[in-house]
Amino acid sequence: MDKVILECKNINKKYRKKDHYHNASKNISFQLKEGECLGVVGESGCGKSTLAKIIMNLEKADSGEVILDNECISNKKGKELREVYKNIQMVFQDAIGSFNPKITIGKSIEEYVCSLCSTDEKNREIVVDNLLEMVGLPKEFKNRYPHELSGGQCQRAAIARALSSHPKVLICDEATSALDVSVQAQVIDLLVQMKKELNISYIFITHNLALVSSFCDRVIVMNHGEIVEEGSAYDVINNPQNDYTKLLLNSIFK
């Protein structure tokens, strides 16, 4: 777990809000190592999702760099950008909403396979079947529409879609927060299994420090667009140094 797979350097992003600016990201810097799970924790509005969108190129930073495998990807465009994002994928909180409601789960995953990979048409159905099996869904689910799946099943399908390009980094943005506790545990178990089998590195964005303690290797805590604490999951949970981190922990474990 020594190789750095992803690095953010001095990421800054401001939004104009009426008569003032809001700092969504302020000099954010961190490293993600190969095979590591990094938790990004903080309350709503602290800048977690903005950071994820910048890494995914869904938002442009005002300044700073995102580096993948020792190459800056912040200014990539066109075909080069498409090649980059085979290696970084994202699983969203609203799994059902992330699928096109008018086409089946199988067709949605197949479209992803077509757009990111070179798989020929003959093999697409086999690839979709294998991806669904990998995440513990029967291949028959490919013929169902998003609304016909439960929240947990749809999240598994979303993970299958994200895995279709064999990414090195998977960003999970509150990917379990809409699920009940038992289904949440099943999805976490699946992510742990994928981490072992595929050596994927995770950025796991959440407000749930209790969940982070059982899943993540390291944690960064954000408040008002800044990193206020960083360390191993064990150290941050059991010996927090920052007052804000202590308040978060007290609200969960009191």
Protein backbone atom coordinates (compact mmCIF):
# COMPACT_ATOMS: atom_id res chain seq x y z
CA MET A 1 0.00 0.00 0.00
CA ASP A 2 2.94 2.30 -0.72
CA LYS A 3 2.29 3.50 -4.27
CA VAL A 4 0.34 6.77 -4.53
CA ILE A 5 -2.41 6.26 -7.11
CA LEU A 6 -4.21 9.63 -6.76
CA GLU A 7 -3.15 12.97 -5.37
CA CYS A 8 -4.90 16.30 -4.91
CA LYS A 9 -2.65 19.34 -4.59
CA ASN A 10 -3.92 22.65 -3.24
CA ILE A 11 -7.46 22.34 -4.62
CA ASN A 12 -9.39 25.60 -4.30
CA LYS A 13 -13.00 26.27 -5.30
CA LYS A 14 -15.24 29.25 -4.48
CA TYR A 15 -18.91 29.76 -5.28
CA ARG A 16 -20.57 33.16 -5.51
CA LYS A 17 -23.52 33.40 -3.13
CA LYS A 18 -25.40 36.69 -3.42
CA ASP A 19 -23.03 39.25 -1.90
CA HIS A 20 -20.26 36.91 -0.76
CA TYR A 21 -18.11 33.92 -1.78
CA HIS A 22 -18.37 30.47 -0.24
CA ASN A 23 -15.15 28.43 0.06
CA ALA A 24 -16.17 24.90 -0.94
CA SER A 25 -12.54 23.75 -1.14
CA LYS A 26 -9.65 25.60 0.44
CA ASN A 27 -6.11 24.36 -0.21
CA ILE A 28 -7.20 20.71 -0.14
CA SER A 29 -4.22 18.35 -0.45
CA PHE A 30 -4.08 14.62 0.18
CA GLN A 31 -2.81 11.34 -1.26
CA LEU A 32 -4.63 8.08 -1.94
CA LYS A 33 -2.48 4.97 -1.99
CA GLU A 34 -2.98 1.90 -4.11
CA GLY A 35 -5.45 -0.52 -2.48
CA GLU A 36 -6.36 1.99 0.24
CA CYS A 37 -9.75 3.21 1.41
CA LEU A 38 -9.71 6.89 2.35
CA GLY A 39 -12.72 8.23 4.23
CA VAL A 40 -13.75 11.86 3.68
CA VAL A 41 -15.96 12.95 6.56
CA GLY A 42 -17.88 16.06 7.50
CA GLU A 43 -21.33 17.59 7.81
CA SER A 44 -23.46 18.56 4.82
CA GLY A 45 -22.03 21.62 3.10
CA CYS A 46 -18.45 21.06 4.26
CA GLY A 47 -17.17 20.54 0.68
CA LYS A 48 -17.00 16.74 0.43
CA SER A 49 -19.13 16.38 -2.69
CA THR A 50 -17.52 19.40 -4.36
CA LEU A 51 -14.16 17.72 -3.92
CA ALA A 52 -15.51 14.53 -5.51
CA LYS A 53 -16.92 16.47 -8.47
CA ILE A 54 -13.58 18.20 -9.01
CA ILE A 55 -11.74 14.88 -9.01
CA MET A 56 -14.32 13.54 -11.49
CA ASN A 57 -14.05 16.67 -13.66
CA LEU A 58 -17.74 17.43 -13.11
CA GLU A 59 -16.61 20.74 -11.60
CA LYS A 60 -13.54 22.80 -12.43
CA ALA A 61 -11.29 23.89 -9.57
CA ASP A 62 -10.27 27.55 -9.42
CA SER A 63 -6.73 26.32 -8.83
CA GLY A 64 -4.82 23.20 -7.89
CA GLU A 65 -4.09 19.84 -9.50
CA VAL A 66 -5.52 16.34 -9.55
CA ILE A 67 -2.80 13.78 -10.29
CA LEU A 68 -3.46 10.18 -11.30
CA ASP A 69 -0.55 7.75 -11.56
CA ASN A 70 1.94 10.65 -11.50
CA GLU A 71 0.16 12.49 -14.34
CA CYS A 72 -1.82 15.71 -13.92
CA ILE A 73 -5.34 15.14 -15.27
CA SER A 74 -6.89 18.50 -14.36
CA ASN A 75 -6.68 19.96 -17.86
CA LYS A 76 -7.32 16.87 -19.96
CA LYS A 77 -9.94 17.18 -22.70
CA GLY A 78 -11.67 15.08 -25.31
CA LYS A 79 -10.30 11.62 -25.96
CA GLU A 80 -7.54 12.01 -23.36
CA LEU A 81 -10.13 12.86 -20.70
CA ARG A 82 -12.24 9.85 -21.66
CA GLU A 83 -9.21 7.59 -21.30
CA VAL A 84 -8.49 9.03 -17.84
CA TYR A 85 -11.99 8.33 -16.57
CA LYS A 86 -11.81 4.68 -17.38
CA ASN A 87 -9.56 4.66 -14.33
CA ILE A 88 -11.73 6.76 -12.00
CA GLN A 89 -15.41 5.99 -11.49
CA MET A 90 -18.06 7.21 -9.08
CA VAL A 91 -21.01 5.65 -7.25
CA PHE A 92 -23.65 8.18 -6.26
CA GLN A 93 -26.00 8.35 -3.27
CA ASP A 94 -29.13 8.21 -5.42
CA ALA A 95 -28.54 4.92 -7.21
CA ILE A 96 -32.00 4.73 -8.78
CA GLY A 97 -31.77 8.32 -10.01
CA SER A 98 -28.37 7.66 -11.60
CA PHE A 99 -29.98 5.20 -14.06
CA ASN A 100 -32.11 6.10 -17.07
CA PRO A 101 -35.64 5.09 -15.98
CA LYS A 102 -36.68 4.32 -19.57
CA ILE A 103 -34.16 1.54 -20.20
CA THR A 104 -33.32 -1.67 -18.38
CA ILE A 105 -30.46 -2.03 -15.92
CA GLY A 106 -28.68 -4.30 -18.42
CA LYS A 107 -28.94 -1.74 -21.23
CA SER A 108 -27.64 1.01 -18.93
CA ILE A 109 -24.58 -1.04 -18.00
CA GLU A 110 -24.14 -2.08 -21.63
CA GLU A 111 -24.10 1.57 -22.74
CA TYR A 112 -21.39 2.23 -20.19
CA VAL A 113 -19.37 -0.73 -21.46
CA CYS A 114 -19.75 0.55 -25.04
CA SER A 115 -18.70 4.11 -24.21
CA LEU A 116 -15.66 3.29 -22.08
CA CYS A 117 -14.41 -0.07 -23.32
CA SER A 118 -13.57 -1.75 -26.62
CA THR A 119 -15.78 -4.78 -26.01
CA ASP A 120 -17.44 -5.86 -29.26
CA GLU A 121 -21.20 -6.13 -29.51
CA LYS A 122 -21.14 -9.92 -29.42
CA ASN A 123 -19.58 -9.99 -25.96
CA ARG A 124 -21.47 -7.14 -24.30
CA GLU A 125 -24.22 -9.32 -22.88
CA ILE A 126 -21.66 -11.71 -21.39
CA VAL A 127 -19.81 -8.77 -19.82
CA VAL A 128 -23.05 -7.45 -18.28
CA ASP A 129 -23.92 -10.91 -16.94
CA ASN A 130 -20.46 -11.23 -15.38
CA LEU A 131 -20.63 -7.77 -13.81
CA LEU A 132 -24.03 -8.47 -12.25
CA GLU A 133 -22.78 -11.80 -10.93
CA MET A 134 -19.71 -10.08 -9.49
CA VAL A 135 -21.89 -7.81 -7.34
CA GLY A 136 -24.22 -10.61 -6.27
CA LEU A 137 -27.17 -9.98 -8.58
CA PRO A 138 -28.82 -12.65 -10.77
CA LYS A 139 -28.16 -12.08 -14.47
CA GLU A 140 -31.94 -11.96 -15.02
CA PHE A 141 -31.91 -8.56 -13.30
CA LYS A 142 -30.50 -7.08 -16.51
CA ASN A 143 -34.05 -7.13 -17.89
CA ARG A 144 -35.49 -5.10 -15.00
CA TYR A 145 -35.98 -1.35 -14.89
CA PRO A 146 -34.46 0.73 -12.07
CA HIS A 147 -37.79 1.19 -10.25
CA GLU A 148 -38.21 -2.59 -10.15
CA LEU A 149 -35.11 -2.99 -7.93
CA SER A 150 -34.79 -2.28 -4.23
CA GLY A 151 -32.41 0.45 -3.06
CA GLY A 152 -29.70 -2.07 -2.19
CA GLN A 153 -30.09 -3.96 -5.46
CA CYS A 154 -29.91 -0.73 -7.44
CA GLN A 155 -26.77 0.31 -5.58
CA ARG A 156 -25.18 -3.04 -6.43
CA ALA A 157 -26.10 -2.47 -10.08
CA ALA A 158 -24.53 1.00 -9.89
CA ILE A 159 -21.34 -0.55 -8.53
CA ALA A 160 -21.41 -3.12 -11.37
CA ARG A 161 -21.69 -0.28 -13.88
CA ALA A 162 -18.78 1.58 -12.28
CA LEU A 163 -16.63 -1.58 -12.35
CA SER A 164 -17.22 -2.08 -16.09
CA SER A 165 -14.16 -0.02 -17.03
CA HIS A 166 -11.89 -1.77 -14.47
CA PRO A 167 -11.15 1.46 -12.57
CA LYS A 168 -8.18 2.00 -10.31
CA VAL A 169 -10.11 4.44 -8.12
CA LEU A 170 -13.76 4.27 -7.07
CA ILE A 171 -15.36 7.31 -5.43
CA CYS A 172 -18.40 6.51 -3.28
CA ASP A 173 -20.29 9.72 -2.53
CA GLU A 174 -22.68 8.93 0.35
CA ALA A 175 -23.28 5.66 -1.50
CA THR A 176 -24.84 3.92 1.52
CA SER A 177 -26.54 6.77 3.37
CA ALA A 178 -29.97 6.22 1.77
CA LEU A 179 -30.00 2.52 2.70
CA ASP A 180 -31.23 0.91 5.89
CA VAL A 181 -28.61 -0.49 8.27
CA SER A 182 -28.77 -4.14 7.15
CA VAL A 183 -28.58 -3.29 3.43
CA GLN A 184 -25.85 -0.76 4.15
CA ALA A 185 -23.79 -3.55 5.74
CA GLN A 186 -24.29 -5.75 2.68
CA VAL A 187 -23.05 -3.01 0.34
CA ILE A 188 -20.02 -2.36 2.57
CA ASP A 189 -19.23 -6.09 2.56
CA LEU A 190 -19.41 -6.01 -1.25
CA LEU A 191 -17.01 -3.05 -1.42
CA VAL A 192 -14.58 -4.83 0.92
CA GLN A 193 -14.74 -7.91 -1.30
CA MET A 194 -14.11 -5.85 -4.45
CA LYS A 195 -11.17 -4.15 -2.75
CA LYS A 196 -9.55 -7.53 -2.02
CA GLU A 197 -10.28 -9.08 -5.40
CA LEU A 198 -9.59 -6.10 -7.68
CA ASN A 199 -7.16 -3.99 -5.59
CA ILE A 200 -9.35 -0.93 -6.06
CA SER A 201 -8.60 2.25 -4.14
CA TYR A 202 -11.61 3.99 -2.60
CA ILE A 203 -12.51 7.53 -1.67
CA PHE A 204 -15.45 6.96 0.65
CA ILE A 205 -17.38 10.17 1.26
CA THR A 206 -19.75 10.15 4.21
CA HIS A 207 -20.98 11.99 7.28
CA ASN A 208 -21.02 8.70 9.21
CA LEU A 209 -17.87 8.37 11.32
CA ALA A 210 -19.08 5.09 12.78
CA LEU A 211 -19.15 3.57 9.30
CA VAL A 212 -15.71 4.97 8.50
CA SER A 213 -14.24 3.31 11.57
CA SER A 214 -15.13 -0.15 10.26
CA PHE A 215 -14.30 0.33 6.58
CA CYS A 216 -11.60 2.92 5.96
CA ASP A 217 -7.83 2.78 6.40
CA ARG A 218 -7.35 6.54 6.72
CA VAL A 219 -9.68 9.49 7.27
CA ILE A 220 -9.68 13.17 6.45
CA VAL A 221 -12.18 15.37 8.28
CA MET A 222 -13.49 18.46 6.47
CA ASN A 223 -15.13 21.59 7.85
CA HIS A 224 -16.00 24.73 5.88
CA GLY A 225 -14.04 23.54 2.84
CA GLU A 226 -10.84 22.74 4.75
CA ILE A 227 -9.18 19.60 6.04
CA VAL A 228 -9.10 20.01 9.80
CA GLU A 229 -7.77 16.55 10.69
CA GLU A 230 -6.14 13.62 8.91
CA GLY A 231 -4.83 10.28 10.11
CA SER A 232 -5.46 6.57 10.38
CA ALA A 233 -9.09 5.65 10.97
CA TYR A 234 -8.19 4.18 14.34
CA ASP A 235 -6.33 7.31 15.52
CA VAL A 236 -8.97 9.77 14.32
CA ILE A 237 -11.82 7.80 15.90
CA ASN A 238 -10.08 6.93 19.16
CA ASN A 239 -7.83 9.95 19.70
CA PRO A 240 -9.18 12.97 17.78
CA GLN A 241 -7.08 16.11 17.97
CA ASN A 242 -9.38 18.70 16.43
CA ASP A 243 -12.36 20.15 18.33
CA TYR A 244 -14.65 19.76 15.31
CA THR A 245 -13.78 16.06 15.01
CA LYS A 246 -14.52 15.64 18.71
CA LEU A 247 -17.93 17.26 18.23
CA LEU A 248 -18.72 14.90 15.33
CA LEU A 249 -17.74 11.89 17.42
CA ASN A 250 -19.71 13.08 20.43
CA SER A 251 -22.84 13.45 18.28
CA ILE A 252 -22.53 9.80 17.19
CA PHE A 253 -21.19 7.98 20.24
CA LYS A 254 -22.71 10.02 23.07
